[in-house]
Amino acid sequence: MTSPAPATTRNTASPHSATATSPHRWVTLCQREDLVPGSGVAAWLEADGQACQIALFTLPATADSDDLTLFAIDHHDPVSGANVIARGLLGDHAGEPLVISPLYKQRYRLSDGQCLDDDTLALTVWPVRLAGGEVQIQC
């Protein structure tokens, strides 16, 4: 997957981009069919004149539920300084889903972004939902 290009409108030709103009608004990042259960994708977000990259993770349905579980977390790795979190390995610790940074292997909880290996590190997380066929985050 190539780096997502910034967009100027909410629904654009690039499925991995979005623009927000006000805080606490649901913004479409991509379509459900763009997701691959058990992996992450990078998405571009512009909000309030600031731009950032989001790592969007999709956990597959389980025996207990047919629903996908979505997480939106900062794509920027604070240790390496690179935007690589979406390429991390998914795992869990004591039943809590996490992503392992692909470069220096820090483990971050998907629910709150806290690093399990260094209490001083945490990634930003955003509320995320599936609305019809659209994957949206609140920013």
Protein backbone atom coordinates (compact mmCIF):
# COMPACT_ATOMS: atom_id res chain seq x y z
CA MET A 1 0.00 0.00 0.00
CA THR A 2 1.35 3.41 -0.89
CA SER A 3 1.24 6.44 1.36
CA PRO A 4 -2.18 8.05 1.36
CA ALA A 5 -2.56 11.40 -0.36
CA PRO A 6 -4.22 14.32 1.44
CA ALA A 7 -7.75 15.14 0.42
CA THR A 8 -9.67 18.38 0.21
CA THR A 9 -13.18 17.00 0.66
CA ARG A 10 -14.78 14.37 2.85
CA ASN A 11 -15.54 11.90 0.05
CA THR A 12 -12.76 11.81 -2.52
CA ALA A 13 -11.29 9.43 -5.06
CA SER A 14 -8.71 8.34 -2.48
CA PRO A 15 -10.43 5.98 -0.02
CA HIS A 16 -7.79 6.52 2.67
CA SER A 17 -8.15 10.25 3.18
CA ALA A 18 -10.47 12.66 4.91
CA THR A 19 -10.81 16.30 5.82
CA ALA A 20 -12.49 17.64 8.92
CA THR A 21 -13.31 21.26 9.58
CA SER A 22 -14.74 21.16 13.11
CA PRO A 23 -13.81 19.26 16.28
CA HIS A 24 -15.78 16.23 17.53
CA ARG A 25 -17.20 15.38 14.15
CA TRP A 26 -17.40 11.92 12.58
CA VAL A 27 -15.18 11.82 9.49
CA THR A 28 -15.06 9.04 6.89
CA LEU A 29 -11.57 7.57 6.47
CA CYS A 30 -12.32 4.71 4.08
CA GLN A 31 -14.89 2.11 3.11
CA ARG A 32 -15.42 -1.22 4.86
CA GLU A 33 -14.21 -3.11 1.77
CA ASP A 34 -10.83 -1.30 2.08
CA LEU A 35 -10.18 -3.12 5.37
CA VAL A 36 -8.38 -6.42 5.72
CA PRO A 37 -9.33 -8.20 8.97
CA GLY A 38 -6.28 -8.94 11.07
CA SER A 39 -4.17 -6.07 9.72
CA GLY A 40 -3.71 -2.31 9.67
CA VAL A 41 -3.94 0.43 7.06
CA ALA A 42 -2.67 3.99 7.15
CA ALA A 43 -5.10 6.86 6.61
CA TRP A 44 -4.56 10.61 6.19
CA LEU A 45 -6.59 13.04 8.31
CA GLU A 46 -6.74 16.83 8.21
CA ALA A 47 -8.55 18.57 11.06
CA ASP A 48 -8.45 22.18 12.25
CA GLY A 49 -5.54 23.04 9.97
CA GLN A 50 -3.45 20.12 11.26
CA ALA A 51 -2.69 16.91 9.41
CA CYS A 52 -1.85 13.51 10.85
CA GLN A 53 -1.63 9.89 9.85
CA ILE A 54 -3.91 7.35 11.49
CA ALA A 55 -3.24 3.62 11.83
CA LEU A 56 -6.57 1.87 11.42
CA PHE A 57 -6.70 -1.73 12.68
CA THR A 58 -9.40 -4.28 12.00
CA LEU A 59 -9.72 -7.32 14.21
CA PRO A 60 -11.65 -10.17 12.60
CA ALA A 61 -14.99 -11.48 13.76
CA THR A 62 -14.84 -14.06 16.53
CA ALA A 63 -16.81 -17.17 17.41
CA ASP A 64 -18.85 -14.97 19.76
CA SER A 65 -19.58 -12.18 17.27
CA ASP A 66 -19.80 -11.57 13.53
CA ASP A 67 -18.81 -7.93 14.03
CA LEU A 68 -15.41 -6.55 13.11
CA THR A 69 -13.59 -4.67 15.88
CA LEU A 70 -11.99 -1.40 14.78
CA PHE A 71 -9.25 0.69 16.39
CA ALA A 72 -7.83 4.06 15.27
CA ILE A 73 -4.43 4.95 16.72
CA ASP A 74 -1.55 7.28 15.86
CA HIS A 75 0.52 5.98 12.92
CA HIS A 76 3.64 7.85 14.19
CA ASP A 77 6.09 5.71 16.18
CA PRO A 78 7.49 7.97 18.95
CA VAL A 79 10.66 5.88 19.33
CA SER A 80 11.82 5.75 15.71
CA GLY A 81 10.11 8.96 14.56
CA ALA A 82 8.73 7.10 11.51
CA ASN A 83 5.11 6.65 10.43
CA VAL A 84 5.02 2.85 10.63
CA ILE A 85 2.53 1.73 13.27
CA ALA A 86 -0.04 0.52 10.70
CA ARG A 87 2.58 -1.98 9.53
CA GLY A 88 3.00 -3.41 13.03
CA LEU A 89 2.14 -6.91 14.14
CA LEU A 90 -1.16 -7.47 15.91
CA GLY A 91 -1.21 -9.48 19.09
CA ASP A 92 -2.58 -9.45 22.59
CA HIS A 93 -1.38 -9.31 26.18
CA ALA A 94 -3.67 -10.86 28.79
CA GLY A 95 -6.53 -10.73 26.27
CA GLU A 96 -5.99 -7.03 25.49
CA PRO A 97 -5.37 -6.36 21.75
CA LEU A 98 -2.12 -4.60 20.92
CA VAL A 99 0.13 -3.62 18.07
CA ILE A 100 3.88 -4.22 18.08
CA SER A 101 5.93 -1.49 16.41
CA PRO A 102 7.69 -2.96 13.36
CA LEU A 103 10.97 -1.17 14.08
CA TYR A 104 11.91 -1.37 17.76
CA LYS A 105 9.13 -3.74 18.89
CA GLN A 106 7.41 -1.62 21.55
CA ARG A 107 3.94 -2.96 22.34
CA TYR A 108 1.02 -0.49 22.35
CA ARG A 109 -2.49 -1.30 23.57
CA LEU A 110 -5.03 -0.56 20.85
CA SER A 111 -7.69 0.49 23.36
CA ASP A 112 -5.79 3.42 24.91
CA GLY A 113 -2.43 3.68 23.08
CA GLN A 114 -0.37 3.02 26.22
CA CYS A 115 3.03 1.43 25.65
CA LEU A 116 3.47 -1.75 27.72
CA ASP A 117 7.26 -1.51 27.58
CA ASP A 118 7.73 2.15 28.60
CA ASP A 119 5.17 3.94 30.81
CA THR A 120 6.28 7.32 29.42
CA LEU A 121 5.10 6.45 25.89
CA ALA A 122 1.54 6.46 24.55
CA LEU A 123 -0.08 6.88 21.15
CA THR A 124 -3.14 9.01 20.51
CA VAL A 125 -6.35 7.03 19.94
CA TRP A 126 -9.59 8.14 18.27
CA PRO A 127 -13.13 6.81 18.60
CA VAL A 128 -13.92 4.77 15.48
CA ARG A 129 -17.13 3.29 14.09
CA LEU A 130 -18.58 1.52 11.11
CA ALA A 131 -21.52 3.51 9.76
CA GLY A 132 -23.12 1.56 6.94
CA GLY A 133 -20.20 0.83 4.64
CA GLU A 134 -18.08 3.77 5.88
CA VAL A 135 -15.30 3.60 8.46
CA GLN A 136 -15.40 6.84 10.47
CA ILE A 137 -13.38 8.37 13.28
CA GLN A 138 -14.34 11.17 15.62
CA CYS A 139 -12.01 14.13 15.69
